[in-house]
Amino acid sequence: MEELRNDIKEGRASMHEAELVSLFSVLSFIVYKCVGHDKCDIQFEQHRDTCITEEDFRDIAAANMNTVRIPVGYWIINFDNQSGGDPEGWKVYAPGTINYIDRAIREWAHKYNLLVLVSFHAAKENAENALDAVEWLAQRYSADDVAFLGIGLLDEPEGTTNEGVLKQYYYDAYGRIRLFSDCLLTVAPLLYQQGPYASDWTNFMPPPQFHGICHEWHH
């Protein structure tokens, strides 16, 4: 697994992945907002225990895939140290997400020789909050977690996002994470730029100045 992880990071191998979209869906926000923790916590725990299981990882490996992408949101870290907005907003979501990520990376993926990319899908309109979240994830999983491939720094940024702010977020995330982790980091252009023909993103964060960077094209 370590060889495959290094090959993907260095561009010598490709990710053939399955995405576990519904496991930590933002839809939990809607349910919790209407119903609350007292009624929802047990139900969501049961959902997570049955929605994705070890058998799914076995089937993914049997289908000759090598990577599992797990989407997460900013609430996974259970804190928000940044001022402005709604610093208590993370409390609305289903708790305990990180325990399932741990199990996926340290047990199931490891057992079936799969790598895991944790993809940051839901960010607040606050770059510092997003930086705290991705840094926290990178610190949690060390090189000894052999099934941990890396982090998708932001999935499909909306077209209304300022491009300069987005690029600076990627630079800052790289700088903070590289202080302690050499994991793979993926960057994604704005939605309307999702293609190597659409902009100068193909030249963004190039080697050798930056290493372990992959670009995501969703087109």
N, C-alpha and C. Protein backbone atom coordinates (compact mmCIF):
# COMPACT_ATOMS: atom_id res chain seq x y z
N MET A 1 0.81 -1.21 0.00
CA MET A 1 0.00 0.00 0.00
C MET A 1 0.85 1.27 0.00
N GLU A 2 1.94 1.22 0.71
CA GLU A 2 2.80 2.40 0.75
C GLU A 2 3.37 2.71 -0.63
N GLU A 3 3.70 1.66 -1.39
CA GLU A 3 4.21 1.86 -2.75
C GLU A 3 3.14 2.50 -3.63
N LEU A 4 1.91 2.01 -3.54
CA LEU A 4 0.82 2.58 -4.33
C LEU A 4 0.57 4.03 -3.92
N ARG A 5 0.59 4.29 -2.64
CA ARG A 5 0.38 5.65 -2.15
C ARG A 5 1.43 6.60 -2.72
N ASN A 6 2.67 6.18 -2.72
CA ASN A 6 3.74 7.02 -3.26
C ASN A 6 3.61 7.18 -4.77
N ASP A 7 3.21 6.11 -5.45
CA ASP A 7 3.05 6.19 -6.91
C ASP A 7 1.95 7.17 -7.29
N ILE A 8 0.86 7.18 -6.55
CA ILE A 8 -0.22 8.13 -6.84
C ILE A 8 0.23 9.55 -6.55
N LYS A 9 0.91 9.75 -5.44
CA LYS A 9 1.39 11.08 -5.09
C LYS A 9 2.35 11.64 -6.12
N GLU A 10 3.16 10.77 -6.70
CA GLU A 10 4.17 11.21 -7.66
C GLU A 10 3.67 11.14 -9.10
N GLY A 11 2.41 10.77 -9.30
CA GLY A 11 1.84 10.75 -10.64
C GLY A 11 2.19 9.53 -11.47
N ARG A 12 2.73 8.51 -10.84
CA ARG A 12 3.08 7.29 -11.57
C ARG A 12 1.92 6.31 -11.66
N ALA A 13 0.88 6.55 -10.89
CA ALA A 13 -0.31 5.69 -10.90
C ALA A 13 -1.54 6.58 -10.77
N SER A 14 -2.67 6.05 -11.20
CA SER A 14 -3.92 6.80 -11.15
C SER A 14 -4.82 6.29 -10.04
N MET A 15 -5.68 7.18 -9.55
CA MET A 15 -6.70 6.77 -8.60
C MET A 15 -7.89 6.21 -9.36
N HIS A 16 -8.29 5.01 -9.01
CA HIS A 16 -9.54 4.42 -9.50
C HIS A 16 -10.43 4.30 -8.27
N GLU A 17 -11.41 5.20 -8.17
CA GLU A 17 -12.03 5.40 -6.87
C GLU A 17 -13.54 5.20 -6.87
N ALA A 18 -14.01 4.92 -5.67
CA ALA A 18 -15.44 4.93 -5.36
C ALA A 18 -15.67 6.01 -4.32
N GLU A 19 -16.77 6.74 -4.46
CA GLU A 19 -17.07 7.82 -3.53
C GLU A 19 -18.25 7.44 -2.65
N LEU A 20 -18.07 7.57 -1.35
CA LEU A 20 -19.11 7.22 -0.38
C LEU A 20 -19.94 8.46 -0.08
N VAL A 21 -20.78 8.83 -1.03
CA VAL A 21 -21.45 10.13 -1.00
C VAL A 21 -22.39 10.28 0.18
N SER A 22 -23.18 9.26 0.48
CA SER A 22 -24.29 9.45 1.43
C SER A 22 -23.90 9.25 2.89
N LEU A 23 -22.68 8.83 3.17
CA LEU A 23 -22.34 8.45 4.54
C LEU A 23 -22.36 9.63 5.50
N PHE A 24 -21.81 10.77 5.09
CA PHE A 24 -21.77 11.94 5.97
C PHE A 24 -22.41 13.13 5.27
N SER A 25 -23.56 12.91 4.68
CA SER A 25 -24.22 13.89 3.84
C SER A 25 -24.62 15.14 4.62
N VAL A 26 -24.56 16.27 3.91
CA VAL A 26 -25.02 17.53 4.49
C VAL A 26 -26.52 17.50 4.77
N LEU A 27 -27.24 16.51 4.23
CA LEU A 27 -28.67 16.41 4.51
C LEU A 27 -28.95 16.24 6.00
N SER A 28 -27.96 15.76 6.74
CA SER A 28 -28.17 15.65 8.19
C SER A 28 -28.47 17.01 8.80
N PHE A 29 -27.94 18.08 8.19
CA PHE A 29 -28.22 19.43 8.68
C PHE A 29 -29.71 19.72 8.65
N ILE A 30 -30.36 19.35 7.55
CA ILE A 30 -31.79 19.63 7.40
C ILE A 30 -32.59 18.89 8.46
N VAL A 31 -32.27 17.61 8.65
CA VAL A 31 -33.00 16.80 9.62
C VAL A 31 -32.78 17.32 11.03
N TYR A 32 -31.52 17.57 11.39
CA TYR A 32 -31.22 18.02 12.75
C TYR A 32 -31.81 19.40 13.03
N LYS A 33 -31.83 20.25 12.03
CA LYS A 33 -32.39 21.59 12.20
C LYS A 33 -33.87 21.51 12.55
N CYS A 34 -34.55 20.52 11.98
CA CYS A 34 -35.99 20.39 12.20
C CYS A 34 -36.33 19.55 13.43
N VAL A 35 -35.52 18.54 13.73
CA VAL A 35 -35.89 17.55 14.74
C VAL A 35 -35.04 17.66 16.01
N GLY A 36 -33.73 17.90 15.86
CA GLY A 36 -32.87 18.04 17.02
C GLY A 36 -32.12 16.78 17.38
N HIS A 37 -31.11 16.93 18.26
CA HIS A 37 -30.22 15.83 18.61
C HIS A 37 -30.92 14.73 19.40
N ASP A 38 -31.83 15.10 20.28
CA ASP A 38 -32.45 14.09 21.14
C ASP A 38 -33.10 12.97 20.34
N LYS A 39 -33.70 13.32 19.22
CA LYS A 39 -34.39 12.32 18.41
C LYS A 39 -33.54 11.77 17.28
N CYS A 40 -32.49 12.50 16.91
CA CYS A 40 -31.74 12.13 15.70
C CYS A 40 -30.47 11.34 15.95
N ASP A 41 -29.80 11.53 17.06
CA ASP A 41 -28.47 10.96 17.25
C ASP A 41 -28.46 9.44 17.08
N ILE A 42 -29.38 8.76 17.71
CA ILE A 42 -29.41 7.30 17.62
C ILE A 42 -29.73 6.85 16.20
N GLN A 43 -30.68 7.55 15.55
CA GLN A 43 -31.06 7.17 14.20
C GLN A 43 -29.90 7.35 13.22
N PHE A 44 -29.15 8.45 13.37
CA PHE A 44 -28.03 8.66 12.46
C PHE A 44 -26.89 7.69 12.75
N GLU A 45 -26.72 7.32 14.00
CA GLU A 45 -25.71 6.32 14.32
C GLU A 45 -26.06 4.98 13.67
N GLN A 46 -27.33 4.61 13.71
CA GLN A 46 -27.77 3.38 13.06
C GLN A 46 -27.61 3.47 11.55
N HIS A 47 -27.91 4.63 11.00
CA HIS A 47 -27.74 4.83 9.56
C HIS A 47 -26.28 4.63 9.15
N ARG A 48 -25.38 5.23 9.89
CA ARG A 48 -23.96 5.12 9.55
C ARG A 48 -23.45 3.69 9.72
N ASP A 49 -23.98 2.99 10.70
CA ASP A 49 -23.53 1.62 10.94
C ASP A 49 -23.98 0.66 9.84
N THR A 50 -25.02 1.02 9.11
CA THR A 50 -25.57 0.11 8.10
C THR A 50 -25.44 0.62 6.67
N CYS A 51 -25.26 1.94 6.52
CA CYS A 51 -25.19 2.51 5.18
C CYS A 51 -23.95 2.04 4.43
N ILE A 52 -22.81 2.14 5.08
CA ILE A 52 -21.54 1.68 4.52
C ILE A 52 -20.92 0.72 5.53
N THR A 53 -20.56 -0.47 5.07
CA THR A 53 -20.01 -1.49 5.97
C THR A 53 -18.70 -2.03 5.41
N GLU A 54 -18.09 -2.92 6.16
CA GLU A 54 -16.86 -3.55 5.70
C GLU A 54 -17.06 -4.26 4.37
N GLU A 55 -18.24 -4.82 4.16
CA GLU A 55 -18.51 -5.54 2.91
C GLU A 55 -18.41 -4.61 1.70
N ASP A 56 -18.76 -3.35 1.88
CA ASP A 56 -18.65 -2.40 0.78
C ASP A 56 -17.19 -2.19 0.40
N PHE A 57 -16.31 -2.11 1.37
CA PHE A 57 -14.89 -1.97 1.08
C PHE A 57 -14.36 -3.23 0.39
N ARG A 58 -14.83 -4.37 0.82
CA ARG A 58 -14.44 -5.62 0.16
C ARG A 58 -14.88 -5.61 -1.29
N ASP A 59 -16.11 -5.15 -1.55
CA ASP A 59 -16.62 -5.12 -2.92
C ASP A 59 -15.89 -4.10 -3.78
N ILE A 60 -15.53 -2.97 -3.19
CA ILE A 60 -14.78 -1.95 -3.93
C ILE A 60 -13.43 -2.51 -4.36
N ALA A 61 -12.76 -3.20 -3.46
CA ALA A 61 -11.47 -3.82 -3.80
C ALA A 61 -11.66 -4.90 -4.86
N ALA A 62 -12.73 -5.67 -4.75
CA ALA A 62 -12.98 -6.73 -5.72
C ALA A 62 -13.27 -6.17 -7.11
N ALA A 63 -13.73 -4.93 -7.18
CA ALA A 63 -14.00 -4.28 -8.46
C ALA A 63 -12.74 -3.64 -9.05
N ASN A 64 -11.59 -3.94 -8.47
CA ASN A 64 -10.29 -3.47 -8.95
C ASN A 64 -10.12 -1.95 -8.82
N MET A 65 -10.78 -1.37 -7.84
CA MET A 65 -10.52 0.02 -7.51
C MET A 65 -9.44 0.07 -6.44
N ASN A 66 -8.77 1.21 -6.36
CA ASN A 66 -7.68 1.31 -5.38
C ASN A 66 -7.88 2.41 -4.35
N THR A 67 -8.93 3.22 -4.52
CA THR A 67 -9.11 4.38 -3.66
C THR A 67 -10.58 4.56 -3.30
N VAL A 68 -10.80 5.00 -2.08
CA VAL A 68 -12.14 5.38 -1.62
C VAL A 68 -12.10 6.86 -1.26
N ARG A 69 -13.03 7.61 -1.83
CA ARG A 69 -13.15 9.04 -1.50
C ARG A 69 -14.28 9.21 -0.49
N ILE A 70 -13.97 9.84 0.63
CA ILE A 70 -14.98 10.06 1.67
C ILE A 70 -15.19 11.56 1.85
N PRO A 71 -16.37 12.07 1.50
CA PRO A 71 -16.64 13.50 1.66
C PRO A 71 -16.96 13.85 3.11
N VAL A 72 -16.43 14.97 3.56
CA VAL A 72 -16.70 15.46 4.92
C VAL A 72 -16.96 16.96 4.85
N GLY A 73 -17.53 17.50 5.93
CA GLY A 73 -17.78 18.92 6.04
C GLY A 73 -17.01 19.54 7.19
N TYR A 74 -17.08 20.86 7.27
CA TYR A 74 -16.28 21.58 8.27
C TYR A 74 -16.62 21.18 9.70
N TRP A 75 -17.84 20.67 9.92
CA TRP A 75 -18.28 20.33 11.28
C TRP A 75 -17.56 19.11 11.86
N ILE A 76 -16.79 18.40 11.05
CA ILE A 76 -16.14 17.18 11.52
C ILE A 76 -15.18 17.46 12.67
N ILE A 77 -14.63 18.68 12.75
CA ILE A 77 -13.61 18.96 13.76
C ILE A 77 -14.22 19.37 15.11
N ASN A 78 -15.53 19.61 15.13
CA ASN A 78 -16.24 19.91 16.39
C ASN A 78 -15.77 21.19 17.08
N PHE A 79 -15.29 22.14 16.30
CA PHE A 79 -15.00 23.46 16.86
C PHE A 79 -14.92 24.47 15.72
N ASP A 80 -15.04 25.73 16.07
CA ASP A 80 -14.89 26.81 15.10
C ASP A 80 -14.27 27.98 15.85
N ASN A 81 -12.97 28.17 15.65
CA ASN A 81 -12.24 29.20 16.39
C ASN A 81 -12.29 30.56 15.71
N GLN A 82 -12.97 30.65 14.56
CA GLN A 82 -12.94 31.88 13.78
C GLN A 82 -14.13 32.77 14.12
N SER A 83 -13.89 34.06 14.15
CA SER A 83 -14.96 35.01 14.46
C SER A 83 -15.84 35.23 13.24
N GLY A 84 -17.03 35.75 13.49
CA GLY A 84 -17.94 36.03 12.40
C GLY A 84 -18.78 34.83 12.03
N GLY A 85 -19.84 35.09 11.29
CA GLY A 85 -20.69 34.00 10.84
C GLY A 85 -21.43 33.35 12.00
N ASP A 86 -21.43 32.03 12.02
CA ASP A 86 -22.14 31.27 13.04
C ASP A 86 -21.17 30.29 13.68
N PRO A 87 -20.44 30.70 14.72
CA PRO A 87 -19.43 29.82 15.33
C PRO A 87 -20.01 28.58 15.99
N GLU A 88 -21.31 28.55 16.21
CA GLU A 88 -21.96 27.39 16.80
C GLU A 88 -22.61 26.50 15.74
N GLY A 89 -22.45 26.85 14.47
CA GLY A 89 -23.15 26.14 13.41
C GLY A 89 -22.83 24.66 13.33
N TRP A 90 -21.61 24.29 13.67
CA TRP A 90 -21.20 22.89 13.57
C TRP A 90 -22.00 21.99 14.50
N LYS A 91 -22.58 22.56 15.55
CA LYS A 91 -23.30 21.75 16.53
C LYS A 91 -24.62 21.20 15.99
N VAL A 92 -25.08 21.73 14.87
CA VAL A 92 -26.34 21.27 14.30
C VAL A 92 -26.21 19.88 13.68
N TYR A 93 -25.00 19.53 13.24
CA TYR A 93 -24.80 18.31 12.47
C TYR A 93 -24.67 17.08 13.36
N ALA A 94 -24.83 15.92 12.73
CA ALA A 94 -24.71 14.65 13.45
C ALA A 94 -23.30 14.52 14.03
N PRO A 95 -23.17 14.20 15.31
CA PRO A 95 -21.85 14.07 15.94
C PRO A 95 -21.20 12.73 15.61
N GLY A 96 -19.90 12.66 15.91
CA GLY A 96 -19.21 11.38 15.83
C GLY A 96 -18.70 10.98 14.47
N THR A 97 -18.71 11.91 13.51
CA THR A 97 -18.28 11.57 12.15
C THR A 97 -16.87 10.99 12.14
N ILE A 98 -15.98 11.59 12.91
CA ILE A 98 -14.57 11.21 12.83
C ILE A 98 -14.35 9.76 13.23
N ASN A 99 -15.19 9.21 14.08
CA ASN A 99 -15.03 7.81 14.48
C ASN A 99 -15.20 6.87 13.30
N TYR A 100 -16.09 7.22 12.38
CA TYR A 100 -16.31 6.39 11.21
C TYR A 100 -15.18 6.56 10.19
N ILE A 101 -14.64 7.77 10.11
CA ILE A 101 -13.48 7.98 9.24
C ILE A 101 -12.30 7.16 9.76
N ASP A 102 -12.09 7.18 11.06
CA ASP A 102 -11.01 6.38 11.66
C ASP A 102 -11.17 4.91 11.29
N ARG A 103 -12.36 4.40 11.43
CA ARG A 103 -12.58 2.98 11.15
C ARG A 103 -12.35 2.67 9.67
N ALA A 104 -12.81 3.57 8.81
CA ALA A 104 -12.63 3.35 7.38
C ALA A 104 -11.15 3.31 7.01
N ILE A 105 -10.36 4.22 7.58
CA ILE A 105 -8.94 4.31 7.23
C ILE A 105 -8.11 3.24 7.93
N ARG A 106 -8.33 3.08 9.22
CA ARG A 106 -7.44 2.25 10.03
C ARG A 106 -7.83 0.78 10.08
N GLU A 107 -9.06 0.47 9.66
CA GLU A 107 -9.49 -0.92 9.68
C GLU A 107 -9.85 -1.42 8.28
N TRP A 108 -10.95 -0.95 7.72
CA TRP A 108 -11.48 -1.54 6.50
C TRP A 108 -10.59 -1.30 5.29
N ALA A 109 -10.19 -0.05 5.05
CA ALA A 109 -9.35 0.23 3.89
C ALA A 109 -8.02 -0.50 4.01
N HIS A 110 -7.46 -0.49 5.20
CA HIS A 110 -6.19 -1.19 5.43
C HIS A 110 -6.33 -2.67 5.15
N LYS A 111 -7.42 -3.26 5.59
CA LYS A 111 -7.63 -4.70 5.42
C LYS A 111 -7.73 -5.09 3.95
N TYR A 112 -8.34 -4.24 3.13
CA TYR A 112 -8.58 -4.59 1.73
C TYR A 112 -7.65 -3.85 0.77
N ASN A 113 -6.55 -3.32 1.30
CA ASN A 113 -5.52 -2.68 0.48
C ASN A 113 -6.08 -1.54 -0.36
N LEU A 114 -6.90 -0.72 0.26
CA LEU A 114 -7.45 0.46 -0.38
C LEU A 114 -6.87 1.71 0.27
N LEU A 115 -6.78 2.78 -0.50
CA LEU A 115 -6.38 4.07 0.02
C LEU A 115 -7.60 4.95 0.20
N VAL A 116 -7.52 5.89 1.13
CA VAL A 116 -8.65 6.78 1.40
C VAL A 116 -8.23 8.24 1.18
N LEU A 117 -9.01 8.92 0.36
CA LEU A 117 -8.88 10.37 0.19
C LEU A 117 -10.05 11.02 0.92
N VAL A 118 -9.75 11.81 1.93
CA VAL A 118 -10.79 12.55 2.65
C VAL A 118 -11.01 13.86 1.91
N SER A 119 -12.22 14.05 1.41
CA SER A 119 -12.51 15.17 0.52
C SER A 119 -13.36 16.21 1.25
N PHE A 120 -12.85 17.43 1.31
CA PHE A 120 -13.53 18.52 2.02
C PHE A 120 -14.62 19.09 1.12
N HIS A 121 -15.86 18.67 1.38
CA HIS A 121 -16.98 19.01 0.50
C HIS A 121 -17.76 20.24 0.94
N ALA A 122 -17.86 20.48 2.22
CA ALA A 122 -18.72 21.56 2.72
C ALA A 122 -17.89 22.51 3.57
N ALA A 123 -17.67 23.72 3.06
CA ALA A 123 -16.88 24.71 3.78
C ALA A 123 -17.74 25.93 4.08
N LYS A 124 -17.47 26.56 5.20
CA LYS A 124 -18.12 27.83 5.50
C LYS A 124 -17.49 28.93 4.64
N GLU A 125 -18.13 30.08 4.60
CA GLU A 125 -17.57 31.20 3.84
C GLU A 125 -16.50 31.89 4.69
N ASN A 126 -15.51 31.10 5.07
CA ASN A 126 -14.46 31.58 5.95
C ASN A 126 -13.23 30.72 5.69
N ALA A 127 -12.24 31.30 5.03
CA ALA A 127 -11.06 30.52 4.65
C ALA A 127 -10.31 30.02 5.87
N GLU A 128 -10.25 30.80 6.93
CA GLU A 128 -9.53 30.37 8.12
C GLU A 128 -10.17 29.14 8.75
N ASN A 129 -11.49 29.09 8.74
CA ASN A 129 -12.19 27.91 9.25
C ASN A 129 -11.83 26.68 8.43
N ALA A 130 -11.83 26.83 7.11
CA ALA A 130 -11.47 25.72 6.24
C ALA A 130 -10.03 25.28 6.47
N LEU A 131 -9.13 26.23 6.66
CA LEU A 131 -7.73 25.90 6.94
C LEU A 131 -7.60 25.12 8.24
N ASP A 132 -8.33 25.54 9.26
CA ASP A 132 -8.30 24.81 10.53
C ASP A 132 -8.76 23.37 10.33
N ALA A 133 -9.79 23.18 9.52
CA ALA A 133 -10.36 21.85 9.33
C ALA A 133 -9.40 20.92 8.60
N VAL A 134 -8.83 21.38 7.49
CA VAL A 134 -7.95 20.48 6.72
C VAL A 134 -6.64 20.24 7.46
N GLU A 135 -6.16 21.24 8.20
CA GLU A 135 -4.95 21.02 9.00
C GLU A 135 -5.22 20.00 10.10
N TRP A 136 -6.36 20.08 10.73
CA TRP A 136 -6.74 19.14 11.79
C TRP A 136 -6.79 17.72 11.25
N LEU A 137 -7.35 17.55 10.06
CA LEU A 137 -7.43 16.22 9.45
C LEU A 137 -6.03 15.68 9.14
N ALA A 138 -5.19 16.54 8.58
CA ALA A 138 -3.84 16.10 8.23
C ALA A 138 -3.03 15.73 9.46
N GLN A 139 -3.27 16.42 10.56
CA GLN A 139 -2.56 16.09 11.80
C GLN A 139 -3.05 14.78 12.40
N ARG A 140 -4.30 14.46 12.18
CA ARG A 140 -4.87 13.26 12.80
C ARG A 140 -4.29 11.99 12.19
N TYR A 141 -4.02 12.01 10.89
CA TYR A 141 -3.57 10.80 10.21
C TYR A 141 -2.10 10.94 9.81
N SER A 142 -1.29 10.10 10.39
CA SER A 142 0.15 10.18 10.18
C SER A 142 0.58 9.21 9.08
N ALA A 143 1.86 9.21 8.79
CA ALA A 143 2.40 8.29 7.79
C ALA A 143 2.20 6.84 8.18
N ASP A 144 2.01 6.58 9.47
CA ASP A 144 1.77 5.21 9.93
C ASP A 144 0.38 4.72 9.55
N ASP A 145 -0.53 5.64 9.25
CA ASP A 145 -1.86 5.25 8.75
C ASP A 145 -1.73 4.98 7.26
N VAL A 146 -1.29 3.78 6.92
CA VAL A 146 -0.86 3.50 5.56
C VAL A 146 -1.99 3.60 4.54
N ALA A 147 -3.24 3.51 4.98
CA ALA A 147 -4.36 3.61 4.04
C ALA A 147 -4.77 5.06 3.79
N PHE A 148 -4.20 5.99 4.52
CA PHE A 148 -4.55 7.41 4.34
C PHE A 148 -3.74 7.97 3.18
N LEU A 149 -4.44 8.35 2.12
CA LEU A 149 -3.78 8.91 0.94
C LEU A 149 -3.60 10.41 1.07
N GLY A 150 -4.64 11.11 1.49
CA GLY A 150 -4.52 12.56 1.59
C GLY A 150 -5.86 13.24 1.69
N ILE A 151 -5.86 14.53 1.31
CA ILE A 151 -7.03 15.39 1.50
C ILE A 151 -7.35 16.14 0.22
N GLY A 152 -8.62 16.09 -0.16
CA GLY A 152 -9.11 16.99 -1.20
C GLY A 152 -9.43 18.32 -0.54
N LEU A 153 -8.69 19.36 -0.86
CA LEU A 153 -8.77 20.61 -0.11
C LEU A 153 -10.09 21.34 -0.27
N LEU A 154 -10.78 21.15 -1.39
CA LEU A 154 -12.12 21.74 -1.56
C LEU A 154 -12.74 21.14 -2.81
N ASP A 155 -13.94 20.61 -2.67
CA ASP A 155 -14.62 19.96 -3.79
C ASP A 155 -15.51 20.96 -4.53
N GLU A 156 -15.26 21.14 -5.81
CA GLU A 156 -16.09 21.94 -6.70
C GLU A 156 -16.46 23.31 -6.11
N PRO A 157 -15.48 24.19 -5.94
CA PRO A 157 -15.78 25.54 -5.44
C PRO A 157 -16.79 26.24 -6.34
N GLU A 158 -17.73 26.93 -5.73
CA GLU A 158 -18.77 27.62 -6.49
C GLU A 158 -18.17 28.72 -7.35
N GLY A 159 -18.82 28.95 -8.48
CA GLY A 159 -18.32 29.95 -9.42
C GLY A 159 -18.32 31.36 -8.88
N THR A 160 -19.09 31.63 -7.84
CA THR A 160 -19.13 32.97 -7.26
C THR A 160 -17.96 33.23 -6.31
N THR A 161 -17.18 32.20 -6.03
CA THR A 161 -16.02 32.36 -5.15
C THR A 161 -14.95 33.20 -5.84
N ASN A 162 -14.32 34.09 -5.12
CA ASN A 162 -13.24 34.89 -5.68
C ASN A 162 -12.05 33.98 -5.98
N GLU A 163 -11.58 34.00 -7.22
CA GLU A 163 -10.51 33.09 -7.62
C GLU A 163 -9.22 33.35 -6.84
N GLY A 164 -8.92 34.61 -6.59
CA GLY A 164 -7.72 34.93 -5.83
C GLY A 164 -7.78 34.41 -4.41
N VAL A 165 -8.95 34.51 -3.78
CA VAL A 165 -9.13 33.99 -2.43
C VAL A 165 -8.98 32.47 -2.43
N LEU A 166 -9.55 31.82 -3.44
CA LEU A 166 -9.46 30.36 -3.53
C LEU A 166 -8.01 29.91 -3.67
N LYS A 167 -7.27 30.54 -4.56
CA LYS A 167 -5.88 30.15 -4.76
C LYS A 167 -5.05 30.40 -3.51
N GLN A 168 -5.31 31.51 -2.83
CA GLN A 168 -4.57 31.78 -1.60
C GLN A 168 -4.89 30.74 -0.53
N TYR A 169 -6.14 30.29 -0.50
CA TYR A 169 -6.51 29.22 0.44
C TYR A 169 -5.69 27.97 0.16
N TYR A 170 -5.53 27.61 -1.11
CA TYR A 170 -4.73 26.43 -1.45
C TYR A 170 -3.27 26.61 -1.05
N TYR A 171 -2.72 27.80 -1.32
CA TYR A 171 -1.34 28.06 -0.90
C TYR A 171 -1.19 27.95 0.62
N ASP A 172 -2.11 28.55 1.34
CA ASP A 172 -2.02 28.54 2.80
C ASP A 172 -2.20 27.13 3.36
N ALA A 173 -3.14 26.38 2.79
CA ALA A 173 -3.35 25.00 3.25
C ALA A 173 -2.10 24.17 3.02
N TYR A 174 -1.49 24.33 1.86
CA TYR A 174 -0.26 23.60 1.55
C TYR A 174 0.82 23.94 2.58
N GLY A 175 1.00 25.24 2.84
CA GLY A 175 2.04 25.66 3.78
C GLY A 175 1.83 25.12 5.18
N ARG A 176 0.59 25.14 5.64
CA ARG A 176 0.31 24.67 7.00
C ARG A 176 0.45 23.16 7.11
N ILE A 177 -0.04 22.44 6.11
CA ILE A 177 -0.01 20.98 6.18
C ILE A 177 1.39 20.43 5.97
N ARG A 178 2.17 21.06 5.11
CA ARG A 178 3.51 20.55 4.82
C ARG A 178 4.47 20.73 5.99
N LEU A 179 4.08 21.44 7.01
CA LEU A 179 4.92 21.55 8.20
C LEU A 179 5.04 20.21 8.92
N PHE A 180 4.07 19.31 8.70
CA PHE A 180 4.08 18.04 9.43
C PHE A 180 3.61 16.85 8.62
N SER A 181 3.13 17.04 7.40
CA SER A 181 2.59 15.92 6.63
C SER A 181 2.98 16.02 5.17
N ASP A 182 3.27 14.87 4.59
CA ASP A 182 3.62 14.79 3.17
C ASP A 182 2.48 14.14 2.38
N CYS A 183 1.27 14.17 2.92
CA CYS A 183 0.15 13.48 2.26
C CYS A 183 -0.21 14.15 0.94
N LEU A 184 -0.93 13.43 0.11
CA LEU A 184 -1.43 13.98 -1.15
C LEU A 184 -2.43 15.09 -0.86
N LEU A 185 -2.37 16.15 -1.64
CA LEU A 185 -3.34 17.23 -1.56
C LEU A 185 -3.91 17.47 -2.95
N THR A 186 -5.22 17.52 -3.07
CA THR A 186 -5.82 17.81 -4.37
C THR A 186 -6.45 19.19 -4.34
N VAL A 187 -6.35 19.88 -5.47
CA VAL A 187 -6.94 21.21 -5.63
C VAL A 187 -7.92 21.16 -6.79
N ALA A 188 -8.95 21.99 -6.72
CA ALA A 188 -9.98 22.01 -7.76
C ALA A 188 -10.24 23.45 -8.17
N PRO A 189 -10.35 23.71 -9.47
CA PRO A 189 -10.70 25.06 -9.92
C PRO A 189 -12.16 25.39 -9.60
N LEU A 190 -12.53 26.61 -9.87
CA LEU A 190 -13.94 26.99 -9.79
C LEU A 190 -14.75 26.15 -10.77
N LEU A 191 -16.04 26.01 -10.49
CA LEU A 191 -16.87 25.11 -11.28
C LEU A 191 -16.83 25.44 -12.77
N TYR A 192 -16.87 26.72 -13.12
CA TYR A 192 -16.90 27.07 -14.54
C TYR A 192 -15.53 26.92 -15.20
N GLN A 193 -14.52 26.61 -14.42
CA GLN A 193 -13.17 26.40 -14.95
C GLN A 193 -12.78 24.92 -14.92
N GLN A 194 -13.76 24.05 -14.79
CA GLN A 194 -13.47 22.63 -14.59
C GLN A 194 -13.07 21.94 -15.89
N GLY A 195 -11.88 22.24 -16.33
CA GLY A 195 -11.31 21.59 -17.49
C GLY A 195 -9.97 22.21 -17.79
N PRO A 196 -8.99 21.42 -18.18
CA PRO A 196 -7.65 21.97 -18.43
C PRO A 196 -7.61 22.96 -19.58
N TYR A 197 -8.67 23.00 -20.38
CA TYR A 197 -8.74 23.92 -21.51
C TYR A 197 -9.28 25.30 -21.09
N ALA A 198 -9.82 25.41 -19.86
CA ALA A 198 -10.62 26.57 -19.49
C ALA A 198 -9.83 27.70 -18.85
N SER A 199 -8.64 27.45 -18.36
CA SER A 199 -7.95 28.49 -17.60
C SER A 199 -6.48 28.13 -17.47
N ASP A 200 -5.80 28.87 -16.61
CA ASP A 200 -4.38 28.60 -16.38
C ASP A 200 -4.16 27.67 -15.20
N TRP A 201 -5.20 26.96 -14.76
CA TRP A 201 -5.07 26.11 -13.58
C TRP A 201 -4.10 24.95 -13.79
N THR A 202 -3.85 24.57 -15.02
CA THR A 202 -2.91 23.48 -15.25
C THR A 202 -1.51 23.84 -14.76
N ASN A 203 -1.23 25.12 -14.66
CA ASN A 203 0.09 25.57 -14.20
C ASN A 203 0.09 26.01 -12.74
N PHE A 204 -0.99 25.73 -12.04
CA PHE A 204 -1.11 26.17 -10.65
C PHE A 204 -0.37 25.22 -9.72
N MET A 205 0.44 25.77 -8.84
CA MET A 205 1.22 25.01 -7.85
C MET A 205 2.03 23.89 -8.51
N PRO A 206 2.92 24.26 -9.43
CA PRO A 206 3.67 23.25 -10.17
C PRO A 206 4.87 22.73 -9.39
N PRO A 207 5.35 21.54 -9.75
CA PRO A 207 6.62 21.06 -9.21
C PRO A 207 7.76 21.82 -9.87
N PRO A 208 8.93 21.88 -9.28
CA PRO A 208 9.30 21.27 -7.99
C PRO A 208 8.99 22.15 -6.78
N GLN A 209 8.43 23.36 -7.02
CA GLN A 209 8.14 24.23 -5.86
C GLN A 209 7.12 23.58 -4.93
N PHE A 210 6.18 22.83 -5.52
CA PHE A 210 5.14 22.17 -4.76
C PHE A 210 5.16 20.68 -5.11
N HIS A 211 5.02 19.85 -4.11
CA HIS A 211 5.03 18.41 -4.37
C HIS A 211 3.80 17.77 -3.74
N GLY A 212 3.42 16.63 -4.30
CA GLY A 212 2.26 15.91 -3.78
C GLY A 212 0.96 16.62 -4.05
N ILE A 213 0.87 17.34 -5.17
CA ILE A 213 -0.34 18.06 -5.56
C ILE A 213 -0.97 17.40 -6.78
N CYS A 214 -2.27 17.15 -6.71
CA CYS A 214 -3.03 16.68 -7.87
C CYS A 214 -4.16 17.65 -8.16
N HIS A 215 -4.49 17.79 -9.44
CA HIS A 215 -5.60 18.65 -9.85
C HIS A 215 -6.82 17.78 -10.13
N GLU A 216 -7.98 18.26 -9.69
CA GLU A 216 -9.23 17.55 -9.95
C GLU A 216 -9.99 18.28 -11.05
N TRP A 217 -10.31 17.53 -12.11
CA TRP A 217 -11.13 18.07 -13.19
C TRP A 217 -12.46 17.32 -13.19
N HIS A 218 -13.55 18.02 -12.84
CA HIS A 218 -14.88 17.41 -12.82
C HIS A 218 -15.65 17.95 -14.02
N HIS A 219 -15.45 17.33 -15.16
CA HIS A 219 -16.11 17.83 -16.37
C HIS A 219 -16.53 16.67 -17.24
